[in-house]
């Protein structure tokens, strides 16, 4: 093993295919996006270099700040509600008294494998103001509370976000549950013998040992929220008005609806930087927690 790791030619041969794929499909597109952000370009005619004009225009655009706020709302709900629910489901199935764990694991993961289009059609019917399930439940409870969930300027982004929560909580659950199951059973059994309750086992043993798992889950949730596009595109088309725009949707609109590819690349660059900053912050927070424990 040491001889192979010391052979630079062997390392180069084995890593070259991955480096080529990464360069072609990741690095080059990112570089092109950054390069095109300095041009005024409709995607067809010759591009005109405009320097930082696209960035100046972007930071003066109210739609940019609304999209930025919506992306943060989306990411915040995913970080708290989605990861929180996945954690509670994991705690429930880690209880050795629970039966039918295989059924529950499958049931929790089913929404993940469904098409986003199918999920959005389902929830569009649930949110329907006339015959939707949510408003009907309020009627059965004797409450006159009725909402047009996807047409309300304030509620629409929350409603769209919870569709994502419903669909992908099972994905977060699968990651957290797999991490919890990797904990040696001896630790948990010793705690039970010492009289520890399920709550203490979950909070004092399982959670501290899942720091790296939660680091990954938080990164997925944060970047997934900031990158959100499919659900609002299918449910609201960015509406009502622009109340469910995110930077991803703004990029799509600029490039493919109004043919401002240079401006779309500019918002895409900000989106990449935003996701990068979110990833760095999550890693920094978890690194601080690790150093605090030592």
C-alpha atoms as a PDB file:
ATOM      1  CA  UNK A   1       0.000   0.000   0.000  1.00  0.00           C
ATOM      2  CA  UNK A   2       2.782   2.463   0.941  1.00  0.00           C
ATOM      3  CA  UNK A   3       4.628   1.715  -2.308  1.00  0.00           C
ATOM      4  CA  UNK A   4       1.495   2.437  -4.336  1.00  0.00           C
ATOM      5  CA  UNK A   5       0.752   5.678  -2.451  1.00  0.00           C
ATOM      6  CA  UNK A   6       4.334   6.760  -3.013  1.00  0.00           C
ATOM      7  CA  UNK A   7       4.104   6.159  -6.768  1.00  0.00           C
ATOM      8  CA  UNK A   8       3.037   9.536  -8.207  1.00  0.00           C
ATOM      9  CA  UNK A   9       2.446   8.099 -11.667  1.00  0.00           C
ATOM     10  CA  UNK A  10       0.032   5.507 -10.281  1.00  0.00           C
ATOM     11  CA  UNK A  11      -1.820   8.184  -8.322  1.00  0.00           C
ATOM     12  CA  UNK A  12      -2.064  10.345 -11.449  1.00  0.00           C
ATOM     13  CA  UNK A  13      -3.341   7.438 -13.580  1.00  0.00           C
ATOM     14  CA  UNK A  14      -6.072   6.507 -11.087  1.00  0.00           C
ATOM     15  CA  UNK A  15      -7.196  10.082 -10.370  1.00  0.00           C
ATOM     16  CA  UNK A  16      -7.037  11.412 -13.939  1.00  0.00           C
ATOM     17  CA  UNK A  17     -10.448  10.026 -15.081  1.00  0.00           C
ATOM     18  CA  UNK A  18     -12.171  11.636 -12.090  1.00  0.00           C
ATOM     19  CA  UNK A  19     -10.336  14.913 -12.610  1.00  0.00           C
ATOM     20  CA  UNK A  20     -11.316  14.962 -16.294  1.00  0.00           C
ATOM     21  CA  UNK A  21     -14.977  14.289 -15.529  1.00  0.00           C
ATOM     22  CA  UNK A  22     -14.989  16.921 -12.755  1.00  0.00           C
ATOM     23  CA  UNK A  23     -13.332  19.485 -15.028  1.00  0.00           C
ATOM     24  CA  UNK A  24     -15.699  18.893 -17.964  1.00  0.00           C
ATOM     25  CA  UNK A  25     -18.972  18.692 -16.039  1.00  0.00           C
ATOM     26  CA  UNK A  26     -18.331  20.931 -12.999  1.00  0.00           C
ATOM     27  CA  UNK A  27     -15.339  23.260 -13.192  1.00  0.00           C
ATOM     28  CA  UNK A  28     -15.702  24.327 -16.846  1.00  0.00           C
ATOM     29  CA  UNK A  29     -19.453  25.154 -16.615  1.00  0.00           C
ATOM     30  CA  UNK A  30     -18.837  27.147 -13.419  1.00  0.00           C
ATOM     31  CA  UNK A  31     -15.967  29.010 -15.086  1.00  0.00           C
ATOM     32  CA  UNK A  32     -18.107  29.733 -18.173  1.00  0.00           C
ATOM     33  CA  UNK A  33     -20.956  31.005 -15.989  1.00  0.00           C
ATOM     34  CA  UNK A  34     -18.596  33.362 -14.169  1.00  0.00           C
ATOM     35  CA  UNK A  35     -17.052  34.510 -17.472  1.00  0.00           C
ATOM     36  CA  UNK A  36     -20.431  35.122 -19.147  1.00  0.00           C
ATOM     37  CA  UNK A  37     -21.643  37.159 -16.181  1.00  0.00           C
ATOM     38  CA  UNK A  38     -19.497  40.065 -17.441  1.00  0.00           C
ATOM     39  CA  UNK A  39     -21.310  40.190 -20.779  1.00  0.00           C
ATOM     40  CA  UNK A  40     -24.637  41.360 -22.090  1.00  0.00           C
ATOM     41  CA  UNK A  41     -25.743  38.359 -24.125  1.00  0.00           C
ATOM     42  CA  UNK A  42     -29.043  36.998 -25.367  1.00  0.00           C
ATOM     43  CA  UNK A  43     -27.643  33.522 -26.055  1.00  0.00           C
ATOM     44  CA  UNK A  44     -27.689  33.932 -29.851  1.00  0.00           C
ATOM     45  CA  UNK A  45     -25.977  37.111 -31.020  1.00  0.00           C
ATOM     46  CA  UNK A  46     -22.453  38.193 -30.174  1.00  0.00           C
ATOM     47  CA  UNK A  47     -21.868  38.940 -26.518  1.00  0.00           C
ATOM     48  CA  UNK A  48     -20.958  42.489 -25.498  1.00  0.00           C
ATOM     49  CA  UNK A  49     -18.533  42.946 -22.619  1.00  0.00           C
ATOM     50  CA  UNK A  50     -20.061  45.201 -19.950  1.00  0.00           C
ATOM     51  CA  UNK A  51     -17.729  44.626 -17.007  1.00  0.00           C
ATOM     52  CA  UNK A  52     -19.485  44.778 -13.646  1.00  0.00           C
ATOM     53  CA  UNK A  53     -22.695  46.328 -14.992  1.00  0.00           C
ATOM     54  CA  UNK A  54     -24.659  43.105 -14.535  1.00  0.00           C
ATOM     55  CA  UNK A  55     -23.575  42.917 -10.893  1.00  0.00           C
ATOM     56  CA  UNK A  56     -24.441  46.590 -10.286  1.00  0.00           C
ATOM     57  CA  UNK A  57     -27.858  46.042 -11.839  1.00  0.00           C
ATOM     58  CA  UNK A  58     -28.402  42.871  -9.830  1.00  0.00           C
ATOM     59  CA  UNK A  59     -27.665  44.535  -6.485  1.00  0.00           C
ATOM     60  CA  UNK A  60     -30.131  47.300  -7.381  1.00  0.00           C
ATOM     61  CA  UNK A  61     -32.847  44.824  -8.361  1.00  0.00           C
ATOM     62  CA  UNK A  62     -35.622  44.363  -5.772  1.00  0.00           C
ATOM     63  CA  UNK A  63     -36.369  40.943  -7.253  1.00  0.00           C
ATOM     64  CA  UNK A  64     -32.855  39.811  -6.299  1.00  0.00           C
ATOM     65  CA  UNK A  65     -33.416  40.608  -2.629  1.00  0.00           C
ATOM     66  CA  UNK A  66     -36.841  38.980  -2.650  1.00  0.00           C
ATOM     67  CA  UNK A  67     -35.355  35.862  -4.238  1.00  0.00           C
ATOM     68  CA  UNK A  68     -32.527  35.894  -1.704  1.00  0.00           C
ATOM     69  CA  UNK A  69     -35.013  36.135   1.173  1.00  0.00           C
ATOM     70  CA  UNK A  70     -37.181  33.325  -0.193  1.00  0.00           C
ATOM     71  CA  UNK A  71     -34.162  31.058  -0.598  1.00  0.00           C
ATOM     72  CA  UNK A  72     -33.181  31.681   3.019  1.00  0.00           C
ATOM     73  CA  UNK A  73     -36.749  30.960   4.174  1.00  0.00           C
ATOM     74  CA  UNK A  74     -36.714  27.738   2.171  1.00  0.00           C
ATOM     75  CA  UNK A  75     -33.336  26.707   3.588  1.00  0.00           C
ATOM     76  CA  UNK A  76     -34.304  27.665   7.139  1.00  0.00           C
ATOM     77  CA  UNK A  77     -37.451  25.532   7.093  1.00  0.00           C
ATOM     78  CA  UNK A  78     -35.570  22.572   5.642  1.00  0.00           C
ATOM     79  CA  UNK A  79     -32.860  22.903   8.295  1.00  0.00           C
ATOM     80  CA  UNK A  80     -35.308  23.003  11.181  1.00  0.00           C
ATOM     81  CA  UNK A  81     -38.436  21.110  10.160  1.00  0.00           C
ATOM     82  CA  UNK A  82     -37.023  18.549   7.737  1.00  0.00           C
ATOM     83  CA  UNK A  83     -33.949  17.600   9.767  1.00  0.00           C
ATOM     84  CA  UNK A  84     -35.970  17.837  12.984  1.00  0.00           C
ATOM     85  CA  UNK A  85     -38.670  15.466  11.741  1.00  0.00           C
ATOM     86  CA  UNK A  86     -36.040  13.065  10.409  1.00  0.00           C
ATOM     87  CA  UNK A  87     -34.403  13.067  13.840  1.00  0.00           C
ATOM     88  CA  UNK A  88     -37.687  12.349  15.642  1.00  0.00           C
ATOM     89  CA  UNK A  89     -38.469   9.495  13.243  1.00  0.00           C
ATOM     90  CA  UNK A  90     -35.002   8.079  13.863  1.00  0.00           C
ATOM     91  CA  UNK A  91     -35.487   8.267  17.629  1.00  0.00           C
ATOM     92  CA  UNK A  92     -38.815   6.477  17.296  1.00  0.00           C
ATOM     93  CA  UNK A  93     -37.397   3.612  15.248  1.00  0.00           C
ATOM     94  CA  UNK A  94     -34.311   3.294  17.449  1.00  0.00           C
ATOM     95  CA  UNK A  95     -36.626   2.268  20.289  1.00  0.00           C
ATOM     96  CA  UNK A  96     -36.190  -1.505  20.578  1.00  0.00           C
ATOM     97  CA  UNK A  97     -39.860  -1.887  21.543  1.00  0.00           C
ATOM     98  CA  UNK A  98     -41.127  -0.643  18.182  1.00  0.00           C
ATOM     99  CA  UNK A  99     -42.304  -3.385  15.816  1.00  0.00           C
ATOM    100  CA  UNK A 100     -42.576  -3.295  12.033  1.00  0.00           C
ATOM    101  CA  UNK A 101     -39.499  -1.146  11.528  1.00  0.00           C
ATOM    102  CA  UNK A 102     -38.992  -2.353   7.964  1.00  0.00           C
ATOM    103  CA  UNK A 103     -42.505  -1.185   7.042  1.00  0.00           C
ATOM    104  CA  UNK A 104     -41.980   2.252   8.573  1.00  0.00           C
ATOM    105  CA  UNK A 105     -38.578   2.694   6.935  1.00  0.00           C
ATOM    106  CA  UNK A 106     -40.129   1.927   3.554  1.00  0.00           C
ATOM    107  CA  UNK A 107     -43.148   4.143   4.174  1.00  0.00           C
ATOM    108  CA  UNK A 108     -41.013   7.114   5.182  1.00  0.00           C
ATOM    109  CA  UNK A 109     -38.859   6.786   2.062  1.00  0.00           C
ATOM    110  CA  UNK A 110     -41.650   6.309  -0.513  1.00  0.00           C
ATOM    111  CA  UNK A 111     -42.166  10.077  -1.182  1.00  0.00           C
ATOM    112  CA  UNK A 112     -38.465  10.420  -2.028  1.00  0.00           C
ATOM    113  CA  UNK A 113     -38.703   8.077  -5.009  1.00  0.00           C
ATOM    114  CA  UNK A 114     -41.842   9.731  -6.389  1.00  0.00           C
ATOM    115  CA  UNK A 115     -41.535  12.117  -9.306  1.00  0.00           C
ATOM    116  CA  UNK A 116     -41.503  15.787  -8.328  1.00  0.00           C
ATOM    117  CA  UNK A 117     -44.251  16.350 -10.883  1.00  0.00           C
ATOM    118  CA  UNK A 118     -46.474  13.718  -9.254  1.00  0.00           C
ATOM    119  CA  UNK A 119     -45.836  15.151  -5.795  1.00  0.00           C
ATOM    120  CA  UNK A 120     -46.631  18.694  -6.910  1.00  0.00           C
ATOM    121  CA  UNK A 121     -49.853  17.588  -8.623  1.00  0.00           C
ATOM    122  CA  UNK A 122     -50.857  15.808  -5.426  1.00  0.00           C
ATOM    123  CA  UNK A 123     -50.196  18.820  -3.237  1.00  0.00           C
ATOM    124  CA  UNK A 124     -51.820  21.226  -5.708  1.00  0.00           C
ATOM    125  CA  UNK A 125     -55.010  19.223  -5.135  1.00  0.00           C
ATOM    126  CA  UNK A 126     -54.459  19.215  -1.342  1.00  0.00           C
ATOM    127  CA  UNK A 127     -53.974  22.997  -1.356  1.00  0.00           C
ATOM    128  CA  UNK A 128     -56.957  23.642  -3.656  1.00  0.00           C
ATOM    129  CA  UNK A 129     -59.123  26.382  -2.075  1.00  0.00           C
ATOM    130  CA  UNK A 130     -62.413  24.769  -3.146  1.00  0.00           C
ATOM    131  CA  UNK A 131     -62.041  21.024  -2.605  1.00  0.00           C
ATOM    132  CA  UNK A 132     -58.561  20.734  -1.081  1.00  0.00           C
ATOM    133  CA  UNK A 133     -57.973  18.367   1.812  1.00  0.00           C
ATOM    134  CA  UNK A 134     -56.556  20.999   4.191  1.00  0.00           C
ATOM    135  CA  UNK A 135     -59.542  23.359   3.922  1.00  0.00           C
ATOM    136  CA  UNK A 136     -61.873  20.372   4.148  1.00  0.00           C
ATOM    137  CA  UNK A 137     -60.258  19.286   7.426  1.00  0.00           C
ATOM    138  CA  UNK A 138     -60.904  22.744   8.860  1.00  0.00           C
ATOM    139  CA  UNK A 139     -64.540  22.434   7.807  1.00  0.00           C
ATOM    140  CA  UNK A 140     -64.852  19.042   9.526  1.00  0.00           C
ATOM    141  CA  UNK A 141     -63.457  20.607  12.690  1.00  0.00           C
ATOM    142  CA  UNK A 142     -66.135  23.295  12.516  1.00  0.00           C
ATOM    143  CA  UNK A 143     -63.677  26.058  11.673  1.00  0.00           C
ATOM    144  CA  UNK A 144     -64.376  28.667   9.001  1.00  0.00           C
ATOM    145  CA  UNK A 145     -60.663  29.065   8.260  1.00  0.00           C
ATOM    146  CA  UNK A 146     -60.192  28.767   4.491  1.00  0.00           C
ATOM    147  CA  UNK A 147     -57.082  29.695   2.553  1.00  0.00           C
ATOM    148  CA  UNK A 148     -56.016  29.843  -1.052  1.00  0.00           C
ATOM    149  CA  UNK A 149     -52.625  28.512   0.002  1.00  0.00           C
ATOM    150  CA  UNK A 150     -50.751  28.908  -3.273  1.00  0.00           C
ATOM    151  CA  UNK A 151     -52.232  32.302  -4.162  1.00  0.00           C
ATOM    152  CA  UNK A 152     -51.498  34.091  -0.917  1.00  0.00           C
ATOM    153  CA  UNK A 153     -48.482  36.408  -1.190  1.00  0.00           C
ATOM    154  CA  UNK A 154     -47.266  35.540   2.323  1.00  0.00           C
ATOM    155  CA  UNK A 155     -48.261  31.884   2.602  1.00  0.00           C
ATOM    156  CA  UNK A 156     -47.222  30.653  -0.850  1.00  0.00           C
ATOM    157  CA  UNK A 157     -43.486  30.279  -0.142  1.00  0.00           C
ATOM    158  CA  UNK A 158     -44.249  28.450   3.136  1.00  0.00           C
ATOM    159  CA  UNK A 159     -46.734  26.146   1.393  1.00  0.00           C
ATOM    160  CA  UNK A 160     -44.263  25.303  -1.377  1.00  0.00           C
ATOM    161  CA  UNK A 161     -41.484  24.682   1.136  1.00  0.00           C
ATOM    162  CA  UNK A 162     -43.573  22.196   3.093  1.00  0.00           C
ATOM    163  CA  UNK A 163     -44.130  20.176  -0.076  1.00  0.00           C
ATOM    164  CA  UNK A 164     -40.358  19.782  -0.252  1.00  0.00           C
ATOM    165  CA  UNK A 165     -40.303  18.914   3.466  1.00  0.00           C
ATOM    166  CA  UNK A 166     -42.913  16.193   2.923  1.00  0.00           C
ATOM    167  CA  UNK A 167     -41.102  14.706  -0.056  1.00  0.00           C
ATOM    168  CA  UNK A 168     -37.509  14.685   1.206  1.00  0.00           C
ATOM    169  CA  UNK A 169     -37.778  14.190   4.956  1.00  0.00           C
ATOM    170  CA  UNK A 170     -37.449  10.477   4.216  1.00  0.00           C
ATOM    171  CA  UNK A 171     -34.092  11.138   2.544  1.00  0.00           C
ATOM    172  CA  UNK A 172     -32.761  12.928   5.617  1.00  0.00           C
ATOM    173  CA  UNK A 173     -34.251  10.188   7.788  1.00  0.00           C
ATOM    174  CA  UNK A 174     -32.429   7.486   5.805  1.00  0.00           C
ATOM    175  CA  UNK A 175     -29.080   9.244   6.350  1.00  0.00           C
ATOM    176  CA  UNK A 176     -29.620   9.881  10.064  1.00  0.00           C
ATOM    177  CA  UNK A 177     -31.083   6.430  10.725  1.00  0.00           C
ATOM    178  CA  UNK A 178     -28.172   4.735   8.929  1.00  0.00           C
ATOM    179  CA  UNK A 179     -25.763   6.734  11.073  1.00  0.00           C
ATOM    180  CA  UNK A 180     -27.631   5.811  14.249  1.00  0.00           C
ATOM    181  CA  UNK A 181     -27.637   2.116  13.340  1.00  0.00           C
ATOM    182  CA  UNK A 182     -23.862   2.243  12.872  1.00  0.00           C
ATOM    183  CA  UNK A 183     -23.433   3.072  16.568  1.00  0.00           C
ATOM    184  CA  UNK A 184     -22.302  -0.069  18.416  1.00  0.00           C
ATOM    185  CA  UNK A 185     -25.240  -1.688  20.178  1.00  0.00           C
ATOM    186  CA  UNK A 186     -23.009  -2.219  23.221  1.00  0.00           C
ATOM    187  CA  UNK A 187     -23.130   1.516  23.973  1.00  0.00           C
ATOM    188  CA  UNK A 188     -26.915   1.593  23.948  1.00  0.00           C
ATOM    189  CA  UNK A 189     -27.295  -1.648  25.870  1.00  0.00           C
ATOM    190  CA  UNK A 190     -24.895  -0.464  28.564  1.00  0.00           C
ATOM    191  CA  UNK A 191     -26.915   2.727  28.952  1.00  0.00           C
ATOM    192  CA  UNK A 192     -30.149   0.742  29.309  1.00  0.00           C
ATOM    193  CA  UNK A 193     -28.570  -1.491  31.950  1.00  0.00           C
ATOM    194  CA  UNK A 194     -27.528   1.632  33.864  1.00  0.00           C
ATOM    195  CA  UNK A 195     -31.155   2.756  33.834  1.00  0.00           C
ATOM    196  CA  UNK A 196     -30.951   5.468  31.162  1.00  0.00           C
ATOM    197  CA  UNK A 197     -34.284   6.427  29.621  1.00  0.00           C
ATOM    198  CA  UNK A 198     -34.845   6.445  25.867  1.00  0.00           C
ATOM    199  CA  UNK A 199     -34.664  10.249  25.913  1.00  0.00           C
ATOM    200  CA  UNK A 200     -31.241  10.233  27.564  1.00  0.00           C
ATOM    201  CA  UNK A 201     -29.982   7.518  25.210  1.00  0.00           C
ATOM    202  CA  UNK A 202     -31.108   9.597  22.240  1.00  0.00           C
ATOM    203  CA  UNK A 203     -29.756  12.935  23.459  1.00  0.00           C
ATOM    204  CA  UNK A 204     -26.644  11.856  25.390  1.00  0.00           C
ATOM    205  CA  UNK A 205     -25.384   9.012  23.184  1.00  0.00           C
ATOM    206  CA  UNK A 206     -26.948   8.953  19.718  1.00  0.00           C
ATOM    207  CA  UNK A 207     -26.937  12.702  18.938  1.00  0.00           C
ATOM    208  CA  UNK A 208     -23.309  13.384  20.008  1.00  0.00           C
ATOM    209  CA  UNK A 209     -22.091  10.433  17.948  1.00  0.00           C
ATOM    210  CA  UNK A 210     -23.882  11.694  14.828  1.00  0.00           C
ATOM    211  CA  UNK A 211     -22.063  15.027  14.440  1.00  0.00           C
ATOM    212  CA  UNK A 212     -20.568  14.172  11.062  1.00  0.00           C
ATOM    213  CA  UNK A 213     -23.900  12.812   9.873  1.00  0.00           C
ATOM    214  CA  UNK A 214     -25.695  16.021  10.865  1.00  0.00           C
ATOM    215  CA  UNK A 215     -22.969  18.077   9.226  1.00  0.00           C
ATOM    216  CA  UNK A 216     -23.819  16.385   5.909  1.00  0.00           C
ATOM    217  CA  UNK A 217     -27.589  16.670   6.498  1.00  0.00           C
ATOM    218  CA  UNK A 218     -27.309  20.383   7.270  1.00  0.00           C
ATOM    219  CA  UNK A 219     -25.268  20.997   4.130  1.00  0.00           C
ATOM    220  CA  UNK A 220     -27.811  19.100   2.018  1.00  0.00           C
ATOM    221  CA  UNK A 221     -30.705  21.029   3.586  1.00  0.00           C
ATOM    222  CA  UNK A 222     -29.061  24.459   3.321  1.00  0.00           C
ATOM    223  CA  UNK A 223     -27.870  24.116  -0.267  1.00  0.00           C
ATOM    224  CA  UNK A 224     -31.087  22.333  -1.277  1.00  0.00           C
ATOM    225  CA  UNK A 225     -33.150  25.222   0.067  1.00  0.00           C
ATOM    226  CA  UNK A 226     -31.019  27.863  -1.616  1.00  0.00           C
ATOM    227  CA  UNK A 227     -31.138  25.892  -4.896  1.00  0.00           C
ATOM    228  CA  UNK A 228     -34.901  25.293  -4.755  1.00  0.00           C
ATOM    229  CA  UNK A 229     -36.567  25.443  -8.153  1.00  0.00           C
ATOM    230  CA  UNK A 230     -38.692  22.475  -9.210  1.00  0.00           C
ATOM    231  CA  UNK A 231     -41.468  22.756  -6.621  1.00  0.00           C
ATOM    232  CA  UNK A 232     -42.198  26.444  -7.143  1.00  0.00           C
ATOM    233  CA  UNK A 233     -41.919  26.045 -10.903  1.00  0.00           C
ATOM    234  CA  UNK A 234     -44.574  23.330 -10.904  1.00  0.00           C
ATOM    235  CA  UNK A 235     -46.822  24.716  -8.152  1.00  0.00           C
ATOM    236  CA  UNK A 236     -46.746  28.497  -8.551  1.00  0.00           C
ATOM    237  CA  UNK A 237     -44.549  29.470 -11.531  1.00  0.00           C
ATOM    238  CA  UNK A 238     -42.838  31.884  -9.151  1.00  0.00           C
ATOM    239  CA  UNK A 239     -46.139  33.514  -8.187  1.00  0.00           C
ATOM    240  CA  UNK A 240     -48.332  34.980  -7.032  1.00  0.00           C
ATOM    241  CA  UNK A 241     -46.400  37.860  -8.509  1.00  0.00           C
ATOM    242  CA  UNK A 242     -42.805  37.119  -7.596  1.00  0.00           C
ATOM    243  CA  UNK A 243     -43.496  35.892  -4.045  1.00  0.00           C
ATOM    244  CA  UNK A 244     -41.992  32.424  -4.590  1.00  0.00           C
ATOM    245  CA  UNK A 245     -38.959  33.413  -6.634  1.00  0.00           C
ATOM    246  CA  UNK A 246     -35.573  32.078  -5.570  1.00  0.00           C
ATOM    247  CA  UNK A 247     -32.190  32.806  -7.136  1.00  0.00           C
ATOM    248  CA  UNK A 248     -32.481  29.591  -9.126  1.00  0.00           C
ATOM    249  CA  UNK A 249     -35.875  30.608 -10.493  1.00  0.00           C
ATOM    250  CA  UNK A 250     -34.585  34.123 -11.155  1.00  0.00           C
ATOM    251  CA  UNK A 251     -31.664  32.645 -13.114  1.00  0.00           C
ATOM    252  CA  UNK A 252     -34.041  30.463 -15.118  1.00  0.00           C
ATOM    253  CA  UNK A 253     -36.336  33.395 -15.874  1.00  0.00           C
ATOM    254  CA  UNK A 254     -33.491  35.698 -16.926  1.00  0.00           C
ATOM    255  CA  UNK A 255     -31.852  33.140 -19.208  1.00  0.00           C
ATOM    256  CA  UNK A 256     -34.782  31.282 -20.760  1.00  0.00           C
ATOM    257  CA  UNK A 257     -37.794  33.607 -20.497  1.00  0.00           C
ATOM    258  CA  UNK A 258     -36.439  37.091 -21.221  1.00  0.00           C
ATOM    259  CA  UNK A 259     -33.225  35.920 -22.961  1.00  0.00           C
ATOM    260  CA  UNK A 260     -30.833  37.810 -20.691  1.00  0.00           C
ATOM    261  CA  UNK A 261     -28.195  35.101 -20.391  1.00  0.00           C
ATOM    262  CA  UNK A 262     -25.504  37.416 -19.048  1.00  0.00           C
ATOM    263  CA  UNK A 263     -27.785  38.649 -16.283  1.00  0.00           C
ATOM    264  CA  UNK A 264     -28.871  35.067 -15.557  1.00  0.00           C
ATOM    265  CA  UNK A 265     -25.225  34.017 -15.243  1.00  0.00           C
ATOM    266  CA  UNK A 266     -24.696  36.849 -12.763  1.00  0.00           C
ATOM    267  CA  UNK A 267     -27.454  35.614 -10.459  1.00  0.00           C
ATOM    268  CA  UNK A 268     -26.109  32.073 -10.896  1.00  0.00           C
ATOM    269  CA  UNK A 269     -22.659  33.213  -9.719  1.00  0.00           C
ATOM    270  CA  UNK A 270     -24.218  34.742  -6.596  1.00  0.00           C
ATOM    271  CA  UNK A 271     -26.121  31.497  -6.034  1.00  0.00           C
ATOM    272  CA  UNK A 272     -22.915  29.449  -6.209  1.00  0.00           C
ATOM    273  CA  UNK A 273     -21.212  31.820  -3.761  1.00  0.00           C
ATOM    274  CA  UNK A 274     -24.222  31.652  -1.453  1.00  0.00           C
ATOM    275  CA  UNK A 275     -24.146  27.849  -1.394  1.00  0.00           C
ATOM    276  CA  UNK A 276     -20.376  27.902  -0.862  1.00  0.00           C
ATOM    277  CA  UNK A 277     -20.731  30.296   2.082  1.00  0.00           C
ATOM    278  CA  UNK A 278     -23.511  28.162   3.573  1.00  0.00           C
ATOM    279  CA  UNK A 279     -21.307  25.059   3.321  1.00  0.00           C
ATOM    280  CA  UNK A 280     -18.361  26.843   4.926  1.00  0.00           C
ATOM    281  CA  UNK A 281     -20.567  28.150   7.762  1.00  0.00           C
ATOM    282  CA  UNK A 282     -21.991  24.697   8.507  1.00  0.00           C
ATOM    283  CA  UNK A 283     -18.507  23.169   8.572  1.00  0.00           C
ATOM    284  CA  UNK A 284     -17.253  26.019  10.753  1.00  0.00           C
ATOM    285  CA  UNK A 285     -20.110  25.651  13.246  1.00  0.00           C
ATOM    286  CA  UNK A 286     -19.573  21.917  13.583  1.00  0.00           C
ATOM    287  CA  UNK A 287     -15.811  22.404  13.883  1.00  0.00           C
ATOM    288  CA  UNK A 288     -16.377  24.861  16.736  1.00  0.00           C
ATOM    289  CA  UNK A 289     -18.652  22.368  18.473  1.00  0.00           C
ATOM    290  CA  UNK A 290     -16.025  19.636  18.120  1.00  0.00           C
ATOM    291  CA  UNK A 291     -13.293  21.861  19.570  1.00  0.00           C
ATOM    292  CA  UNK A 292     -15.615  22.856  22.435  1.00  0.00           C
ATOM    293  CA  UNK A 293     -16.169  19.229  23.393  1.00  0.00           C
ATOM    294  CA  UNK A 294     -12.415  18.681  23.678  1.00  0.00           C
END
